[in-house]
Amino acid sequence: MPPEWQRMTLALLPLALGVTIAAGASSGALPDQPAGKHVCLSPAETREIVAARKLSAPFAVLRTAGTHAHGETIGVHLCRLNEELMYEVTVLRRDGRVVKVVLDAASGKIVRTLNDR
């Protein structure tokens, strides 16, 4: 491959990765999950559902996820995947990686960890 093509390929690689990541993020489903209806709830809806269904408290879930992923929690969402309620907790690890920990909203147990490599 000529040097010009190599430079052009290297210059376009970040753009291609950005488009791929954006397309994956807009699909609505978490990676490694079957396609289904995936909707995250607003803070007001989250408060109502946590109180009505006696789900795990978001602060306890934050602590569990942060400890599990060895980092600082930077966000949490209560989401509905099909008919199941799951907390999606975003954790910033000390090495700079962002990890997503998915926990069952009823039990507070970890279901899976994404981007933990």
PDB file of N, CA and C in Angstrom:
ATOM      1  N   MET A   1       0.855  -1.173   0.000  1.00  0.00           N
ATOM      2  CA  MET A   1       0.000   0.000   0.000  1.00  0.00           C
ATOM      3  C   MET A   1       0.899   1.234   0.000  1.00  0.00           C
ATOM      4  N   PRO A   2       0.610   2.183  -0.903  1.00  0.00           N
ATOM      5  CA  PRO A   2       1.423   3.401  -0.959  1.00  0.00           C
ATOM      6  C   PRO A   2       1.309   4.204   0.329  1.00  0.00           C
ATOM      7  N   PRO A   3       2.336   4.983   0.674  1.00  0.00           N
ATOM      8  CA  PRO A   3       2.316   5.775   1.912  1.00  0.00           C
ATOM      9  C   PRO A   3       1.130   6.732   1.993  1.00  0.00           C
ATOM     10  N   GLU A   4       0.703   7.269   0.826  1.00  0.00           N
ATOM     11  CA  GLU A   4      -0.446   8.188   0.850  1.00  0.00           C
ATOM     12  C   GLU A   4      -1.703   7.484   1.344  1.00  0.00           C
ATOM     13  N   TRP A   5      -1.892   6.251   0.889  1.00  0.00           N
ATOM     14  CA  TRP A   5      -3.066   5.469   1.311  1.00  0.00           C
ATOM     15  C   TRP A   5      -2.994   5.139   2.796  1.00  0.00           C
ATOM     16  N   GLN A   6      -1.805   4.831   3.281  1.00  0.00           N
ATOM     17  CA  GLN A   6      -1.647   4.537   4.703  1.00  0.00           C
ATOM     18  C   GLN A   6      -2.000   5.751   5.547  1.00  0.00           C
ATOM     19  N   ARG A   7      -1.526   6.936   5.143  1.00  0.00           N
ATOM     20  CA  ARG A   7      -1.851   8.151   5.893  1.00  0.00           C
ATOM     21  C   ARG A   7      -3.345   8.430   5.862  1.00  0.00           C
ATOM     22  N   MET A   8      -3.989   8.247   4.699  1.00  0.00           N
ATOM     23  CA  MET A   8      -5.421   8.495   4.580  1.00  0.00           C
ATOM     24  C   MET A   8      -6.206   7.496   5.439  1.00  0.00           C
ATOM     25  N   THR A   9      -5.774   6.251   5.436  1.00  0.00           N
ATOM     26  CA  THR A   9      -6.449   5.225   6.245  1.00  0.00           C
ATOM     27  C   THR A   9      -6.345   5.571   7.719  1.00  0.00           C
ATOM     28  N   LEU A  10      -5.157   5.965   8.156  1.00  0.00           N
ATOM     29  CA  LEU A  10      -4.979   6.334   9.558  1.00  0.00           C
ATOM     30  C   LEU A  10      -5.775   7.586   9.916  1.00  0.00           C
ATOM     31  N   ALA A  11      -5.904   8.515   8.978  1.00  0.00           N
ATOM     32  CA  ALA A  11      -6.661   9.733   9.238  1.00  0.00           C
ATOM     33  C   ALA A  11      -8.155   9.453   9.340  1.00  0.00           C
ATOM     34  N   LEU A  12      -8.665   8.505   8.574  1.00  0.00           N
ATOM     35  CA  LEU A  12     -10.103   8.202   8.564  1.00  0.00           C
ATOM     36  C   LEU A  12     -10.513   7.182   9.624  1.00  0.00           C
ATOM     37  N   LEU A  13      -9.570   6.482  10.209  1.00  0.00           N
ATOM     38  CA  LEU A  13      -9.895   5.467  11.203  1.00  0.00           C
ATOM     39  C   LEU A  13     -10.683   6.009  12.393  1.00  0.00           C
ATOM     40  N   PRO A  14     -10.298   7.138  13.014  1.00  0.00           N
ATOM     41  CA  PRO A  14     -11.104   7.655  14.127  1.00  0.00           C
ATOM     42  C   PRO A  14     -12.539   7.992  13.723  1.00  0.00           C
ATOM     43  N   LEU A  15     -12.714   8.502  12.508  1.00  0.00           N
ATOM     44  CA  LEU A  15     -14.063   8.818  12.030  1.00  0.00           C
ATOM     45  C   LEU A  15     -14.892   7.546  11.894  1.00  0.00           C
ATOM     46  N   ALA A  16     -14.300   6.506  11.332  1.00  0.00           N
ATOM     47  CA  ALA A  16     -15.026   5.243  11.174  1.00  0.00           C
ATOM     48  C   ALA A  16     -15.387   4.639  12.524  1.00  0.00           C
ATOM     49  N   LEU A  17     -14.471   4.707  13.480  1.00  0.00           N
ATOM     50  CA  LEU A  17     -14.768   4.184  14.812  1.00  0.00           C
ATOM     51  C   LEU A  17     -15.877   4.976  15.473  1.00  0.00           C
ATOM     52  N   GLY A  18     -15.869   6.298  15.309  1.00  0.00           N
ATOM     53  CA  GLY A  18     -16.902   7.147  15.894  1.00  0.00           C
ATOM     54  C   GLY A  18     -18.267   6.822  15.339  1.00  0.00           C
ATOM     55  N   VAL A  19     -18.357   6.598  14.040  1.00  0.00           N
ATOM     56  CA  VAL A  19     -19.640   6.244  13.419  1.00  0.00           C
ATOM     57  C   VAL A  19     -20.104   4.892  13.917  1.00  0.00           C
ATOM     58  N   THR A  20     -19.199   3.934  14.037  1.00  0.00           N
ATOM     59  CA  THR A  20     -19.560   2.608  14.525  1.00  0.00           C
ATOM     60  C   THR A  20     -20.059   2.680  15.957  1.00  0.00           C
ATOM     61  N   ILE A  21     -19.383   3.429  16.798  1.00  0.00           N
ATOM     62  CA  ILE A  21     -19.794   3.552  18.202  1.00  0.00           C
ATOM     63  C   ILE A  21     -21.137   4.254  18.299  1.00  0.00           C
ATOM     64  N   ALA A  22     -21.328   5.311  17.534  1.00  0.00           N
ATOM     65  CA  ALA A  22     -22.601   6.040  17.564  1.00  0.00           C
ATOM     66  C   ALA A  22     -23.739   5.151  17.085  1.00  0.00           C
ATOM     67  N   ALA A  23     -23.506   4.350  16.067  1.00  0.00           N
ATOM     68  CA  ALA A  23     -24.556   3.460  15.570  1.00  0.00           C
ATOM     69  C   ALA A  23     -24.905   2.423  16.620  1.00  0.00           C
ATOM     70  N   GLY A  24     -23.907   1.905  17.337  1.00  0.00           N
ATOM     71  CA  GLY A  24     -24.175   0.929  18.396  1.00  0.00           C
ATOM     72  C   GLY A  24     -24.914   1.552  19.551  1.00  0.00           C
ATOM     73  N   ALA A  25     -24.588   2.793  19.886  1.00  0.00           N
ATOM     74  CA  ALA A  25     -25.243   3.454  21.006  1.00  0.00           C
ATOM     75  C   ALA A  25     -26.685   3.788  20.694  1.00  0.00           C
ATOM     76  N   SER A  26     -26.998   4.036  19.434  1.00  0.00           N
ATOM     77  CA  SER A  26     -28.360   4.425  19.097  1.00  0.00           C
ATOM     78  C   SER A  26     -29.275   3.237  18.893  1.00  0.00           C
ATOM     79  N   SER A  27     -28.748   2.014  18.918  1.00  0.00           N
ATOM     80  CA  SER A  27     -29.591   0.851  18.672  1.00  0.00           C
ATOM     81  C   SER A  27     -30.564   0.593  19.807  1.00  0.00           C
ATOM     82  N   GLY A  28     -30.297   1.111  21.012  1.00  0.00           N
ATOM     83  CA  GLY A  28     -31.234   0.966  22.115  1.00  0.00           C
ATOM     84  C   GLY A  28     -30.946  -0.224  23.001  1.00  0.00           C
ATOM     85  N   ALA A  29     -30.342  -1.270  22.499  1.00  0.00           N
ATOM     86  CA  ALA A  29     -30.078  -2.453  23.306  1.00  0.00           C
ATOM     87  C   ALA A  29     -28.643  -2.409  23.806  1.00  0.00           C
ATOM     88  N   LEU A  30     -28.429  -2.995  24.958  1.00  0.00           N
ATOM     89  CA  LEU A  30     -27.074  -3.098  25.471  1.00  0.00           C
ATOM     90  C   LEU A  30     -26.303  -4.106  24.642  1.00  0.00           C
ATOM     91  N   PRO A  31     -24.974  -3.954  24.531  1.00  0.00           N
ATOM     92  CA  PRO A  31     -24.200  -4.974  23.845  1.00  0.00           C
ATOM     93  C   PRO A  31     -24.368  -6.314  24.550  1.00  0.00           C
ATOM     94  N   ASP A  32     -24.247  -7.385  23.797  1.00  0.00           N
ATOM     95  CA  ASP A  32     -24.351  -8.746  24.332  1.00  0.00           C
ATOM     96  C   ASP A  32     -25.738  -9.054  24.864  1.00  0.00           C
ATOM     97  N   GLN A  33     -26.760  -8.346  24.423  1.00  0.00           N
ATOM     98  CA  GLN A  33     -28.122  -8.642  24.836  1.00  0.00           C
ATOM     99  C   GLN A  33     -28.972  -8.842  23.613  1.00  0.00           C
ATOM    100  N   PRO A  34     -29.983  -9.697  23.718  1.00  0.00           N
ATOM    101  CA  PRO A  34     -30.871  -9.860  22.580  1.00  0.00           C
ATOM    102  C   PRO A  34     -31.624  -8.564  22.316  1.00  0.00           C
ATOM    103  N   ALA A  35     -31.999  -8.380  21.065  1.00  0.00           N
ATOM    104  CA  ALA A  35     -32.758  -7.175  20.722  1.00  0.00           C
ATOM    105  C   ALA A  35     -34.093  -7.213  21.442  1.00  0.00           C
ATOM    106  N   GLY A  36     -34.483  -6.114  21.969  1.00  0.00           N
ATOM    107  CA  GLY A  36     -35.753  -6.011  22.674  1.00  0.00           C
ATOM    108  C   GLY A  36     -35.992  -4.563  22.998  1.00  0.00           C
ATOM    109  N   LYS A  37     -37.094  -4.293  23.633  1.00  0.00           N
ATOM    110  CA  LYS A  37     -37.418  -2.920  23.968  1.00  0.00           C
ATOM    111  C   LYS A  37     -36.578  -2.505  25.180  1.00  0.00           C
ATOM    112  N   HIS A  38     -35.749  -1.494  25.001  1.00  0.00           N
ATOM    113  CA  HIS A  38     -34.833  -1.020  26.035  1.00  0.00           C
ATOM    114  C   HIS A  38     -35.099   0.460  26.250  1.00  0.00           C
ATOM    115  N   VAL A  39     -35.688   0.805  27.399  1.00  0.00           N
ATOM    116  CA  VAL A  39     -36.051   2.185  27.684  1.00  0.00           C
ATOM    117  C   VAL A  39     -35.541   2.546  29.072  1.00  0.00           C
ATOM    118  N   CYS A  40     -34.788   3.633  29.157  1.00  0.00           N
ATOM    119  CA  CYS A  40     -34.352   4.116  30.466  1.00  0.00           C
ATOM    120  C   CYS A  40     -35.345   5.168  30.955  1.00  0.00           C
ATOM    121  N   LEU A  41     -35.620   5.135  32.248  1.00  0.00           N
ATOM    122  CA  LEU A  41     -36.645   5.979  32.839  1.00  0.00           C
ATOM    123  C   LEU A  41     -36.072   7.300  33.338  1.00  0.00           C
ATOM    124  N   SER A  42     -36.925   8.291  33.442  1.00  0.00           N
ATOM    125  CA  SER A  42     -36.511   9.594  33.962  1.00  0.00           C
ATOM    126  C   SER A  42     -36.312   9.490  35.475  1.00  0.00           C
ATOM    127  N   PRO A  43     -35.638  10.458  36.089  1.00  0.00           N
ATOM    128  CA  PRO A  43     -35.476  10.437  37.546  1.00  0.00           C
ATOM    129  C   PRO A  43     -36.814  10.391  38.294  1.00  0.00           C
ATOM    130  N   ALA A  44     -37.813  11.128  37.818  1.00  0.00           N
ATOM    131  CA  ALA A  44     -39.120  11.120  38.483  1.00  0.00           C
ATOM    132  C   ALA A  44     -39.776   9.746  38.382  1.00  0.00           C
ATOM    133  N   GLU A  45     -39.717   9.136  37.201  1.00  0.00           N
ATOM    134  CA  GLU A  45     -40.272   7.786  37.027  1.00  0.00           C
ATOM    135  C   GLU A  45     -39.522   6.785  37.892  1.00  0.00           C
ATOM    136  N   THR A  46     -38.198   6.960  37.977  1.00  0.00           N
ATOM    137  CA  THR A  46     -37.388   6.058  38.798  1.00  0.00           C
ATOM    138  C   THR A  46     -37.816   6.128  40.261  1.00  0.00           C
ATOM    139  N   ARG A  47     -37.992   7.337  40.794  1.00  0.00           N
ATOM    140  CA  ARG A  47     -38.422   7.482  42.193  1.00  0.00           C
ATOM    141  C   ARG A  47     -39.761   6.794  42.427  1.00  0.00           C
ATOM    142  N   GLU A  48     -40.705   6.986  41.503  1.00  0.00           N
ATOM    143  CA  GLU A  48     -42.026   6.374  41.649  1.00  0.00           C
ATOM    144  C   GLU A  48     -41.949   4.852  41.648  1.00  0.00           C
ATOM    145  N   ILE A  49     -41.215   4.303  40.703  1.00  0.00           N
ATOM    146  CA  ILE A  49     -41.141   2.845  40.583  1.00  0.00           C
ATOM    147  C   ILE A  49     -40.378   2.235  41.744  1.00  0.00           C
ATOM    148  N   VAL A  50     -39.291   2.873  42.183  1.00  0.00           N
ATOM    149  CA  VAL A  50     -38.533   2.348  43.329  1.00  0.00           C
ATOM    150  C   VAL A  50     -39.426   2.286  44.564  1.00  0.00           C
ATOM    151  N   ALA A  51     -40.216   3.329  44.788  1.00  0.00           N
ATOM    152  CA  ALA A  51     -41.111   3.356  45.948  1.00  0.00           C
ATOM    153  C   ALA A  51     -42.246   2.344  45.798  1.00  0.00           C
ATOM    154  N   ALA A  52     -42.844   2.271  44.626  1.00  0.00           N
ATOM    155  CA  ALA A  52     -44.008   1.408  44.420  1.00  0.00           C
ATOM    156  C   ALA A  52     -43.647  -0.074  44.449  1.00  0.00           C
ATOM    157  N   ARG A  53     -42.508  -0.431  43.874  1.00  0.00           N
ATOM    158  CA  ARG A  53     -42.136  -1.848  43.769  1.00  0.00           C
ATOM    159  C   ARG A  53     -41.113  -2.281  44.811  1.00  0.00           C
ATOM    160  N   LYS A  54     -40.707  -1.357  45.661  1.00  0.00           N
ATOM    161  CA  LYS A  54     -39.709  -1.656  46.697  1.00  0.00           C
ATOM    162  C   LYS A  54     -38.448  -2.275  46.086  1.00  0.00           C
ATOM    163  N   LEU A  55     -37.921  -1.577  45.092  1.00  0.00           N
ATOM    164  CA  LEU A  55     -36.690  -2.018  44.435  1.00  0.00           C
ATOM    165  C   LEU A  55     -35.485  -1.634  45.275  1.00  0.00           C
ATOM    166  N   SER A  56     -34.340  -2.149  44.896  1.00  0.00           N
ATOM    167  CA  SER A  56     -33.095  -1.777  45.569  1.00  0.00           C
ATOM    168  C   SER A  56     -32.892  -0.275  45.440  1.00  0.00           C
ATOM    169  N   ALA A  57     -32.413   0.338  46.489  1.00  0.00           N
ATOM    170  CA  ALA A  57     -32.171   1.787  46.485  1.00  0.00           C
ATOM    171  C   ALA A  57     -31.011   2.116  45.543  1.00  0.00           C
ATOM    172  N   PRO A  58     -31.137   3.177  44.754  1.00  0.00           N
ATOM    173  CA  PRO A  58     -30.065   3.523  43.817  1.00  0.00           C
ATOM    174  C   PRO A  58     -28.706   3.735  44.485  1.00  0.00           C
ATOM    175  N   PHE A  59     -28.676   4.290  45.694  1.00  0.00           N
ATOM    176  CA  PHE A  59     -27.380   4.521  46.343  1.00  0.00           C
ATOM    177  C   PHE A  59     -26.683   3.209  46.718  1.00  0.00           C
ATOM    178  N   ALA A  60     -27.459   2.206  47.122  1.00  0.00           N
ATOM    179  CA  ALA A  60     -26.867   0.899  47.424  1.00  0.00           C
ATOM    180  C   ALA A  60     -26.322   0.262  46.144  1.00  0.00           C
ATOM    181  N   VAL A  61     -27.037   0.431  45.051  1.00  0.00           N
ATOM    182  CA  VAL A  61     -26.609  -0.102  43.767  1.00  0.00           C
ATOM    183  C   VAL A  61     -25.324   0.584  43.312  1.00  0.00           C
ATOM    184  N   LEU A  62     -25.236   1.903  43.510  1.00  0.00           N
ATOM    185  CA  LEU A  62     -24.017   2.639  43.159  1.00  0.00           C
ATOM    186  C   LEU A  62     -22.809   2.098  43.914  1.00  0.00           C
ATOM    187  N   ARG A  63     -22.990   1.862  45.197  1.00  0.00           N
ATOM    188  CA  ARG A  63     -21.894   1.351  46.024  1.00  0.00           C
ATOM    189  C   ARG A  63     -21.462  -0.031  45.539  1.00  0.00           C
ATOM    190  N   THR A  64     -22.424  -0.901  45.270  1.00  0.00           N
ATOM    191  CA  THR A  64     -22.117  -2.260  44.803  1.00  0.00           C
ATOM    192  C   THR A  64     -21.360  -2.223  43.478  1.00  0.00           C
ATOM    193  N   ALA A  65     -21.833  -1.417  42.532  1.00  0.00           N
ATOM    194  CA  ALA A  65     -21.203  -1.346  41.214  1.00  0.00           C
ATOM    195  C   ALA A  65     -19.800  -0.757  41.298  1.00  0.00           C
ATOM    196  N   GLY A  66     -19.621   0.305  42.087  1.00  0.00           N
ATOM    197  CA  GLY A  66     -18.308   0.919  42.228  1.00  0.00           C
ATOM    198  C   GLY A  66     -17.288  -0.026  42.820  1.00  0.00           C
ATOM    199  N   THR A  67     -17.707  -0.778  43.830  1.00  0.00           N
ATOM    200  CA  THR A  67     -16.820  -1.764  44.454  1.00  0.00           C
ATOM    201  C   THR A  67     -16.477  -2.874  43.473  1.00  0.00           C
ATOM    202  N   HIS A  68     -17.488  -3.351  42.763  1.00  0.00           N
ATOM    203  CA  HIS A  68     -17.287  -4.448  41.811  1.00  0.00           C
ATOM    204  C   HIS A  68     -16.318  -4.058  40.689  1.00  0.00           C
ATOM    205  N   ALA A  69     -16.484  -2.849  40.148  1.00  0.00           N
ATOM    206  CA  ALA A  69     -15.669  -2.418  39.007  1.00  0.00           C
ATOM    207  C   ALA A  69     -14.387  -1.703  39.425  1.00  0.00           C
ATOM    208  N   HIS A  70     -14.154  -1.545  40.735  1.00  0.00           N
ATOM    209  CA  HIS A  70     -12.948  -0.889  41.249  1.00  0.00           C
ATOM    210  C   HIS A  70     -12.799   0.528  40.693  1.00  0.00           C
ATOM    211  N   GLY A  71     -13.854   1.330  40.854  1.00  0.00           N
ATOM    212  CA  GLY A  71     -13.788   2.687  40.357  1.00  0.00           C
ATOM    213  C   GLY A  71     -14.838   3.575  41.001  1.00  0.00           C
ATOM    214  N   GLU A  72     -15.004   4.747  40.424  1.00  0.00           N
ATOM    215  CA  GLU A  72     -15.949   5.739  40.934  1.00  0.00           C
ATOM    216  C   GLU A  72     -17.186   5.765  40.050  1.00  0.00           C
ATOM    217  N   THR A  73     -18.345   5.635  40.649  1.00  0.00           N
ATOM    218  CA  THR A  73     -19.578   5.660  39.878  1.00  0.00           C
ATOM    219  C   THR A  73     -19.850   7.086  39.409  1.00  0.00           C
ATOM    220  N   ILE A  74     -20.234   7.201  38.144  1.00  0.00           N
ATOM    221  CA  ILE A  74     -20.481   8.523  37.580  1.00  0.00           C
ATOM    222  C   ILE A  74     -21.895   8.661  37.028  1.00  0.00           C
ATOM    223  N   GLY A  75     -22.682   7.598  37.088  1.00  0.00           N
ATOM    224  CA  GLY A  75     -24.052   7.698  36.606  1.00  0.00           C
ATOM    225  C   GLY A  75     -24.823   6.420  36.838  1.00  0.00           C
ATOM    226  N   VAL A  76     -26.141   6.558  36.971  1.00  0.00           N
ATOM    227  CA  VAL A  76     -27.008   5.390  37.124  1.00  0.00           C
ATOM    228  C   VAL A  76     -28.343   5.688  36.457  1.00  0.00           C
ATOM    229  N   HIS A  77     -28.886   4.672  35.805  1.00  0.00           N
ATOM    230  CA  HIS A  77     -30.203   4.776  35.176  1.00  0.00           C
ATOM    231  C   HIS A  77     -30.988   3.515  35.498  1.00  0.00           C
ATOM    232  N   LEU A  78     -32.260   3.691  35.772  1.00  0.00           N
ATOM    233  CA  LEU A  78     -33.163   2.550  35.887  1.00  0.00           C
ATOM    234  C   LEU A  78     -33.758   2.353  34.501  1.00  0.00           C
ATOM    235  N   CYS A  79     -33.572   1.162  33.952  1.00  0.00           N
ATOM    236  CA  CYS A  79     -34.023   0.897  32.585  1.00  0.00           C
ATOM    237  C   CYS A  79     -34.913  -0.334  32.561  1.00  0.00           C
ATOM    238  N   ARG A  80     -35.778  -0.342  31.569  1.00  0.00           N
ATOM    239  CA  ARG A  80     -36.664  -1.481  31.372  1.00  0.00           C
ATOM    240  C   ARG A  80     -36.219  -2.173  30.095  1.00  0.00           C
ATOM    241  N   LEU A  81     -35.825  -3.440  30.226  1.00  0.00           N
ATOM    242  CA  LEU A  81     -35.474  -4.256  29.073  1.00  0.00           C
ATOM    243  C   LEU A  81     -36.552  -5.299  28.949  1.00  0.00           C
ATOM    244  N   ASN A  82     -37.369  -5.156  27.915  1.00  0.00           N
ATOM    245  CA  ASN A  82     -38.597  -5.933  27.783  1.00  0.00           C
ATOM    246  C   ASN A  82     -39.437  -5.665  29.021  1.00  0.00           C
ATOM    247  N   GLU A  83     -39.615  -6.619  29.898  1.00  0.00           N
ATOM    248  CA  GLU A  83     -40.424  -6.372  31.103  1.00  0.00           C
ATOM    249  C   GLU A  83     -39.587  -6.367  32.382  1.00  0.00           C
ATOM    250  N   GLU A  84     -38.269  -6.512  32.259  1.00  0.00           N
ATOM    251  CA  GLU A  84     -37.401  -6.547  33.434  1.00  0.00           C
ATOM    252  C   GLU A  84     -36.836  -5.163  33.725  1.00  0.00           C
ATOM    253  N   LEU A  85     -36.714  -4.838  35.005  1.00  0.00           N
ATOM    254  CA  LEU A  85     -36.091  -3.573  35.421  1.00  0.00           C
ATOM    255  C   LEU A  85     -34.645  -3.836  35.816  1.00  0.00           C
ATOM    256  N   MET A  86     -33.753  -3.042  35.247  1.00  0.00           N
ATOM    257  CA  MET A  86     -32.321  -3.176  35.504  1.00  0.00           C
ATOM    258  C   MET A  86     -31.739  -1.796  35.779  1.00  0.00           C
ATOM    259  N   TYR A  87     -30.768  -1.752  36.679  1.00  0.00           N
ATOM    260  CA  TYR A  87     -29.990  -0.539  36.866  1.00  0.00           C
ATOM    261  C   TYR A  87     -28.773  -0.642  35.963  1.00  0.00           C
ATOM    262  N   GLU A  88     -28.486   0.416  35.237  1.00  0.00           N
ATOM    263  CA  GLU A  88     -27.256   0.514  34.460  1.00  0.00           C
ATOM    264  C   GLU A  88     -26.392   1.564  35.135  1.00  0.00           C
ATOM    265  N   VAL A  89     -25.271   1.126  35.684  1.00  0.00           N
ATOM    266  CA  VAL A  89     -24.385   2.025  36.421  1.00  0.00           C
ATOM    267  C   VAL A  89     -23.102   2.209  35.616  1.00  0.00           C
ATOM    268  N   THR A  90     -22.732   3.458  35.395  1.00  0.00           N
ATOM    269  CA  THR A  90     -21.498   3.785  34.695  1.00  0.00           C
ATOM    270  C   THR A  90     -20.417   4.061  35.736  1.00  0.00           C
ATOM    271  N   VAL A  91     -19.279   3.383  35.572  1.00  0.00           N
ATOM    272  CA  VAL A  91     -18.182   3.482  36.531  1.00  0.00           C
ATOM    273  C   VAL A  91     -16.914   3.899  35.801  1.00  0.00           C
ATOM    274  N   LEU A  92     -16.220   4.888  36.355  1.00  0.00           N
ATOM    275  CA  LEU A  92     -14.923   5.320  35.834  1.00  0.00           C
ATOM    276  C   LEU A  92     -13.842   4.659  36.670  1.00  0.00           C
ATOM    277  N   ARG A  93     -13.073   3.802  36.017  1.00  0.00           N
ATOM    278  CA  ARG A  93     -12.008   3.095  36.739  1.00  0.00           C
ATOM    279  C   ARG A  93     -10.773   3.958  36.851  1.00  0.00           C
ATOM    280  N   ARG A  94      -9.897   3.571  37.744  1.00  0.00           N
ATOM    281  CA  ARG A  94      -8.669   4.339  37.980  1.00  0.00           C
ATOM    282  C   ARG A  94      -7.766   4.378  36.755  1.00  0.00           C
ATOM    283  N   ASP A  95      -7.876   3.338  35.907  1.00  0.00           N
ATOM    284  CA  ASP A  95      -7.045   3.309  34.698  1.00  0.00           C
ATOM    285  C   ASP A  95      -7.644   4.140  33.564  1.00  0.00           C
ATOM    286  N   GLY A  96      -8.765   4.834  33.828  1.00  0.00           N
ATOM    287  CA  GLY A  96      -9.380   5.712  32.841  1.00  0.00           C
ATOM    288  C   GLY A  96     -10.471   5.068  32.007  1.00  0.00           C
ATOM    289  N   ARG A  97     -10.651   3.761  32.145  1.00  0.00           N
ATOM    290  CA  ARG A  97     -11.688   3.085  31.376  1.00  0.00           C
ATOM    291  C   ARG A  97     -13.058   3.304  31.992  1.00  0.00           C
ATOM    292  N   VAL A  98     -14.058   3.397  31.139  1.00  0.00           N
ATOM    293  CA  VAL A  98     -15.441   3.502  31.593  1.00  0.00           C
ATOM    294  C   VAL A  98     -16.077   2.135  31.447  1.00  0.00           C
ATOM    295  N   VAL A  99     -16.657   1.647  32.546  1.00  0.00           N
ATOM    296  CA  VAL A  99     -17.265   0.322  32.600  1.00  0.00           C
ATOM    297  C   VAL A  99     -18.738   0.496  32.921  1.00  0.00           C
ATOM    298  N   LYS A 100     -19.586  -0.325  32.311  1.00  0.00           N
ATOM    299  CA  LYS A 100     -21.010  -0.308  32.617  1.00  0.00           C
ATOM    300  C   LYS A 100     -21.340  -1.591  33.375  1.00  0.00           C
ATOM    301  N   VAL A 101     -21.935  -1.429  34.556  1.00  0.00           N
ATOM    302  CA  VAL A 101     -22.345  -2.570  35.370  1.00  0.00           C
ATOM    303  C   VAL A 101     -23.868  -2.604  35.355  1.00  0.00           C
ATOM    304  N   VAL A 102     -24.420  -3.754  34.998  1.00  0.00           N
ATOM    305  CA  VAL A 102     -25.871  -3.926  34.936  1.00  0.00           C
ATOM    306  C   VAL A 102     -26.291  -4.780  36.129  1.00  0.00           C
ATOM    307  N   LEU A 103     -27.246  -4.245  36.911  1.00  0.00           N
ATOM    308  CA  LEU A 103     -27.711  -4.940  38.114  1.00  0.00           C
ATOM    309  C   LEU A 103     -29.222  -5.145  38.045  1.00  0.00           C
ATOM    310  N   ASP A 104     -29.677  -6.255  38.593  1.00  0.00           N
ATOM    311  CA  ASP A 104     -31.105  -6.512  38.699  1.00  0.00           C
ATOM    312  C   ASP A 104     -31.687  -5.507  39.690  1.00  0.00           C
ATOM    313  N   ALA A 105     -32.741  -4.814  39.299  1.00  0.00           N
ATOM    314  CA  ALA A 105     -33.293  -3.750  40.143  1.00  0.00           C
ATOM    315  C   ALA A 105     -33.973  -4.297  41.388  1.00  0.00           C
ATOM    316  N   ALA A 106     -34.542  -5.480  41.309  1.00  0.00           N
ATOM    317  CA  ALA A 106     -35.243  -6.039  42.465  1.00  0.00           C
ATOM    318  C   ALA A 106     -34.278  -6.552  43.520  1.00  0.00           C
ATOM    319  N   SER A 107     -33.268  -7.303  43.092  1.00  0.00           N
ATOM    320  CA  SER A 107     -32.357  -7.940  44.054  1.00  0.00           C
ATOM    321  C   SER A 107     -31.096  -7.126  44.316  1.00  0.00           C
ATOM    322  N   GLY A 108     -30.706  -6.277  43.371  1.00  0.00           N
ATOM    323  CA  GLY A 108     -29.460  -5.532  43.508  1.00  0.00           C
ATOM    324  C   GLY A 108     -28.232  -6.340  43.133  1.00  0.00           C
ATOM    325  N   LYS A 109     -28.439  -7.548  42.593  1.00  0.00           N
ATOM    326  CA  LYS A 109     -27.314  -8.410  42.211  1.00  0.00           C
ATOM    327  C   LYS A 109     -26.827  -8.068  40.817  1.00  0.00           C
ATOM    328  N   ILE A 110     -25.522  -8.219  40.629  1.00  0.00           N
ATOM    329  CA  ILE A 110     -24.896  -7.909  39.354  1.00  0.00           C
ATOM    330  C   ILE A 110     -25.303  -8.955  38.314  1.00  0.00           C
ATOM    331  N   VAL A 111     -25.771  -8.454  37.164  1.00  0.00           N
ATOM    332  CA  VAL A 111     -26.177  -9.327  36.064  1.00  0.00           C
ATOM    333  C   VAL A 111     -25.011  -9.489  35.094  1.00  0.00           C
ATOM    334  N   ARG A 112     -24.363  -8.369  34.750  1.00  0.00           N
ATOM    335  CA  ARG A 112     -23.219  -8.436  33.840  1.00  0.00           C
ATOM    336  C   ARG A 112     -22.419  -7.144  33.944  1.00  0.00           C
ATOM    337  N   THR A 113     -21.183  -7.237  33.467  1.00  0.00           N
ATOM    338  CA  THR A 113     -20.303  -6.071  33.395  1.00  0.00           C
ATOM    339  C   THR A 113     -19.872  -5.930  31.948  1.00  0.00           C
ATOM    340  N   LEU A 114     -20.010  -4.720  31.406  1.00  0.00           N
ATOM    341  CA  LEU A 114     -19.648  -4.468  30.018  1.00  0.00           C
ATOM    342  C   LEU A 114     -18.398  -3.595  29.959  1.00  0.00           C
ATOM    343  N   ASN A 115     -17.566  -3.840  28.947  1.00  0.00           N
ATOM    344  CA  ASN A 115     -16.322  -3.080  28.707  1.00  0.00           C
ATOM    345  C   ASN A 115     -15.296  -3.319  29.805  1.00  0.00           C
ATOM    346  N   ASP A 116     -15.344  -4.443  30.480  1.00  0.00           N
ATOM    347  CA  ASP A 116     -14.412  -4.726  31.576  1.00  0.00           C
ATOM    348  C   ASP A 116     -13.297  -5.639  31.069  1.00  0.00           C
ATOM    349  N   ARG A 117     -12.359  -5.042  30.334  1.00  0.00           N
ATOM    350  CA  ARG A 117     -11.251  -5.842  29.787  1.00  0.00           C
ATOM    351  C   ARG A 117      -9.945  -5.258  30.163  1.00  0.00           C
TER     352      ARG A 117
END
